[in-house]
């Protein structure tokens, strides 16, 4: 069992930045990828970004490319999501998850993630 604890959400204005953190209680062979997903009110949960614990592979959804950066601190078992130039449409509950997608292309698929955090709210006002 791997526990994930997110932090760093909040209320900001459009154009501001936030950094989300996700601390993992352990790393295993079956949890070698960390992903960030988000769910806006009335919408389905969607992929945001992912990174392998080795740090060599990352993936982003198109709407956040150039604005969001996912990174890892292996010493702290923590993954970060740096969010810059935030827009009102980024408003959502953000979840981190861990799993072991077989391919880089599979990193965006929710079914490949075994454990999920409780979520942290990000609200961007216009």
C-alpha atoms as a PDB file:
ATOM      1  CA  UNK A   1       0.000   0.000   0.000  1.00  0.00           C
ATOM      2  CA  UNK A   2       1.321   3.416  -0.990  1.00  0.00           C
ATOM      3  CA  UNK A   3      -0.083   6.573   0.532  1.00  0.00           C
ATOM      4  CA  UNK A   4       0.020   9.880  -1.295  1.00  0.00           C
ATOM      5  CA  UNK A   5      -0.457  13.248   0.345  1.00  0.00           C
ATOM      6  CA  UNK A   6      -0.940  16.355  -1.788  1.00  0.00           C
ATOM      7  CA  UNK A   7      -0.464  19.929  -0.669  1.00  0.00           C
ATOM      8  CA  UNK A   8      -0.027  23.397  -2.091  1.00  0.00           C
ATOM      9  CA  UNK A   9      -3.449  24.185  -3.505  1.00  0.00           C
ATOM     10  CA  UNK A  10      -5.166  27.503  -2.977  1.00  0.00           C
ATOM     11  CA  UNK A  11      -6.922  30.522  -4.423  1.00  0.00           C
ATOM     12  CA  UNK A  12      -4.925  32.659  -6.847  1.00  0.00           C
ATOM     13  CA  UNK A  13      -5.538  35.171  -9.579  1.00  0.00           C
ATOM     14  CA  UNK A  14      -5.105  34.563 -13.279  1.00  0.00           C
ATOM     15  CA  UNK A  15      -1.446  34.798 -14.231  1.00  0.00           C
ATOM     16  CA  UNK A  16      -0.210  33.723 -10.803  1.00  0.00           C
ATOM     17  CA  UNK A  17       1.787  30.611  -9.965  1.00  0.00           C
ATOM     18  CA  UNK A  18       1.335  27.706  -7.560  1.00  0.00           C
ATOM     19  CA  UNK A  19       3.413  24.663  -6.749  1.00  0.00           C
ATOM     20  CA  UNK A  20       1.689  21.455  -5.773  1.00  0.00           C
ATOM     21  CA  UNK A  21       3.518  18.741  -3.844  1.00  0.00           C
ATOM     22  CA  UNK A  22       2.779  15.049  -3.531  1.00  0.00           C
ATOM     23  CA  UNK A  23       4.633  13.010  -0.939  1.00  0.00           C
ATOM     24  CA  UNK A  24       4.661   9.238  -1.399  1.00  0.00           C
ATOM     25  CA  UNK A  25       5.023   6.865   1.558  1.00  0.00           C
ATOM     26  CA  UNK A  26       6.999   4.373  -0.522  1.00  0.00           C
ATOM     27  CA  UNK A  27       8.183   3.505  -4.004  1.00  0.00           C
ATOM     28  CA  UNK A  28       7.811   0.077  -5.527  1.00  0.00           C
ATOM     29  CA  UNK A  29       8.329  -1.516  -8.912  1.00  0.00           C
ATOM     30  CA  UNK A  30       4.591  -1.227  -9.541  1.00  0.00           C
ATOM     31  CA  UNK A  31       4.549   2.474  -8.649  1.00  0.00           C
ATOM     32  CA  UNK A  32       7.424   3.811 -10.709  1.00  0.00           C
ATOM     33  CA  UNK A  33       5.462   6.610 -12.356  1.00  0.00           C
ATOM     34  CA  UNK A  34       3.818   9.603 -10.726  1.00  0.00           C
ATOM     35  CA  UNK A  35       0.934  11.367 -12.398  1.00  0.00           C
ATOM     36  CA  UNK A  36      -1.112  14.487 -11.839  1.00  0.00           C
ATOM     37  CA  UNK A  37      -4.776  14.581 -12.788  1.00  0.00           C
ATOM     38  CA  UNK A  38      -7.491  17.165 -12.238  1.00  0.00           C
ATOM     39  CA  UNK A  39     -11.247  17.304 -12.057  1.00  0.00           C
ATOM     40  CA  UNK A  40     -13.197  20.483 -12.632  1.00  0.00           C
ATOM     41  CA  UNK A  41     -16.788  20.866 -11.413  1.00  0.00           C
ATOM     42  CA  UNK A  42     -19.166  18.973 -13.655  1.00  0.00           C
ATOM     43  CA  UNK A  43     -16.360  17.447 -15.702  1.00  0.00           C
ATOM     44  CA  UNK A  44     -14.571  14.143 -15.808  1.00  0.00           C
ATOM     45  CA  UNK A  45     -11.148  13.735 -14.289  1.00  0.00           C
ATOM     46  CA  UNK A  46      -8.420  14.403 -16.837  1.00  0.00           C
ATOM     47  CA  UNK A  47      -4.694  13.853 -17.177  1.00  0.00           C
ATOM     48  CA  UNK A  48      -2.376  16.789 -16.521  1.00  0.00           C
ATOM     49  CA  UNK A  49       1.220  15.548 -16.323  1.00  0.00           C
ATOM     50  CA  UNK A  50       3.327  12.555 -15.384  1.00  0.00           C
ATOM     51  CA  UNK A  51       6.931  11.692 -14.644  1.00  0.00           C
ATOM     52  CA  UNK A  52       8.866   8.520 -14.013  1.00  0.00           C
ATOM     53  CA  UNK A  53      10.698   8.224 -10.693  1.00  0.00           C
ATOM     54  CA  UNK A  54      13.879   7.953 -12.707  1.00  0.00           C
ATOM     55  CA  UNK A  55      12.988  11.374 -14.075  1.00  0.00           C
ATOM     56  CA  UNK A  56      13.800  10.511 -17.646  1.00  0.00           C
ATOM     57  CA  UNK A  57      10.260  10.435 -19.009  1.00  0.00           C
ATOM     58  CA  UNK A  58       7.620  13.123 -18.724  1.00  0.00           C
ATOM     59  CA  UNK A  59       4.295  13.769 -20.394  1.00  0.00           C
ATOM     60  CA  UNK A  60       1.912  16.717 -20.380  1.00  0.00           C
ATOM     61  CA  UNK A  61      -1.524  17.369 -21.684  1.00  0.00           C
ATOM     62  CA  UNK A  62      -1.490  19.970 -24.449  1.00  0.00           C
ATOM     63  CA  UNK A  63      -3.345  22.645 -22.494  1.00  0.00           C
ATOM     64  CA  UNK A  64      -0.580  22.927 -19.866  1.00  0.00           C
ATOM     65  CA  UNK A  65       2.530  22.536 -22.019  1.00  0.00           C
ATOM     66  CA  UNK A  66       4.840  25.497 -21.548  1.00  0.00           C
ATOM     67  CA  UNK A  67       3.070  26.536 -18.327  1.00  0.00           C
ATOM     68  CA  UNK A  68       3.305  23.517 -16.001  1.00  0.00           C
ATOM     69  CA  UNK A  69       6.423  21.575 -15.052  1.00  0.00           C
ATOM     70  CA  UNK A  70       6.498  18.242 -13.247  1.00  0.00           C
ATOM     71  CA  UNK A  71       9.602  17.289 -11.271  1.00  0.00           C
ATOM     72  CA  UNK A  72      10.824  14.816  -8.691  1.00  0.00           C
ATOM     73  CA  UNK A  73      12.872  14.961  -5.500  1.00  0.00           C
ATOM     74  CA  UNK A  74      13.942  11.368  -5.061  1.00  0.00           C
ATOM     75  CA  UNK A  75      15.458  11.976  -1.653  1.00  0.00           C
ATOM     76  CA  UNK A  76      12.082  13.126  -0.345  1.00  0.00           C
ATOM     77  CA  UNK A  77       9.875  10.729  -2.362  1.00  0.00           C
ATOM     78  CA  UNK A  78       8.052  13.840  -3.495  1.00  0.00           C
ATOM     79  CA  UNK A  79       6.717  14.965  -6.838  1.00  0.00           C
ATOM     80  CA  UNK A  80       6.000  18.578  -7.660  1.00  0.00           C
ATOM     81  CA  UNK A  81       3.778  20.302 -10.164  1.00  0.00           C
ATOM     82  CA  UNK A  82       4.895  23.868 -10.809  1.00  0.00           C
ATOM     83  CA  UNK A  83       2.007  25.765 -12.361  1.00  0.00           C
ATOM     84  CA  UNK A  84       2.719  29.132 -13.960  1.00  0.00           C
ATOM     85  CA  UNK A  85       0.522  31.550 -15.884  1.00  0.00           C
ATOM     86  CA  UNK A  86      -2.559  30.021 -14.317  1.00  0.00           C
ATOM     87  CA  UNK A  87      -5.888  30.486 -16.058  1.00  0.00           C
ATOM     88  CA  UNK A  88      -9.447  30.272 -14.708  1.00  0.00           C
ATOM     89  CA  UNK A  89      -9.892  27.073 -16.709  1.00  0.00           C
ATOM     90  CA  UNK A  90      -7.174  25.471 -14.571  1.00  0.00           C
ATOM     91  CA  UNK A  91      -9.579  25.575 -11.629  1.00  0.00           C
ATOM     92  CA  UNK A  92     -10.063  22.010 -10.389  1.00  0.00           C
ATOM     93  CA  UNK A  93      -9.274  19.508  -7.702  1.00  0.00           C
ATOM     94  CA  UNK A  94      -5.801  18.199  -8.461  1.00  0.00           C
ATOM     95  CA  UNK A  95      -4.917  14.606  -7.649  1.00  0.00           C
ATOM     96  CA  UNK A  96      -1.602  12.827  -7.696  1.00  0.00           C
ATOM     97  CA  UNK A  97      -1.424   9.146  -8.451  1.00  0.00           C
ATOM     98  CA  UNK A  98       1.185   6.455  -8.793  1.00  0.00           C
ATOM     99  CA  UNK A  99       1.381   3.379 -10.961  1.00  0.00           C
ATOM    100  CA  UNK A 100       3.413   1.653 -13.613  1.00  0.00           C
ATOM    101  CA  UNK A 101       2.341   2.460 -17.168  1.00  0.00           C
ATOM    102  CA  UNK A 102       4.106   0.135 -19.552  1.00  0.00           C
ATOM    103  CA  UNK A 103       4.810   2.764 -22.190  1.00  0.00           C
ATOM    104  CA  UNK A 104       5.296   6.509 -22.253  1.00  0.00           C
ATOM    105  CA  UNK A 105       2.052   6.812 -24.178  1.00  0.00           C
ATOM    106  CA  UNK A 106       0.223   5.033 -21.366  1.00  0.00           C
ATOM    107  CA  UNK A 107       1.251   7.578 -18.744  1.00  0.00           C
ATOM    108  CA  UNK A 108      -1.874   9.623 -19.417  1.00  0.00           C
ATOM    109  CA  UNK A 109      -4.294   6.742 -18.808  1.00  0.00           C
ATOM    110  CA  UNK A 110      -5.944   6.682 -15.379  1.00  0.00           C
ATOM    111  CA  UNK A 111      -6.385   2.915 -15.385  1.00  0.00           C
ATOM    112  CA  UNK A 112      -2.602   2.514 -15.141  1.00  0.00           C
ATOM    113  CA  UNK A 113      -2.448   4.177 -11.735  1.00  0.00           C
ATOM    114  CA  UNK A 114      -2.914   2.108  -8.587  1.00  0.00           C
ATOM    115  CA  UNK A 115      -2.921   4.617  -5.761  1.00  0.00           C
ATOM    116  CA  UNK A 116      -4.428   8.072  -5.530  1.00  0.00           C
ATOM    117  CA  UNK A 117      -4.142  11.010  -3.180  1.00  0.00           C
ATOM    118  CA  UNK A 118      -7.058  12.826  -1.611  1.00  0.00           C
ATOM    119  CA  UNK A 119      -6.806  15.844  -3.897  1.00  0.00           C
ATOM    120  CA  UNK A 120      -6.073  19.517  -3.387  1.00  0.00           C
ATOM    121  CA  UNK A 121      -8.236  22.382  -4.611  1.00  0.00           C
ATOM    122  CA  UNK A 122      -6.836  24.942  -7.023  1.00  0.00           C
ATOM    123  CA  UNK A 123      -9.019  27.941  -7.764  1.00  0.00           C
ATOM    124  CA  UNK A 124      -7.978  30.594 -10.269  1.00  0.00           C
ATOM    125  CA  UNK A 125      -9.993  33.793 -10.336  1.00  0.00           C
ATOM    126  CA  UNK A 126     -10.199  36.022 -13.386  1.00  0.00           C
END
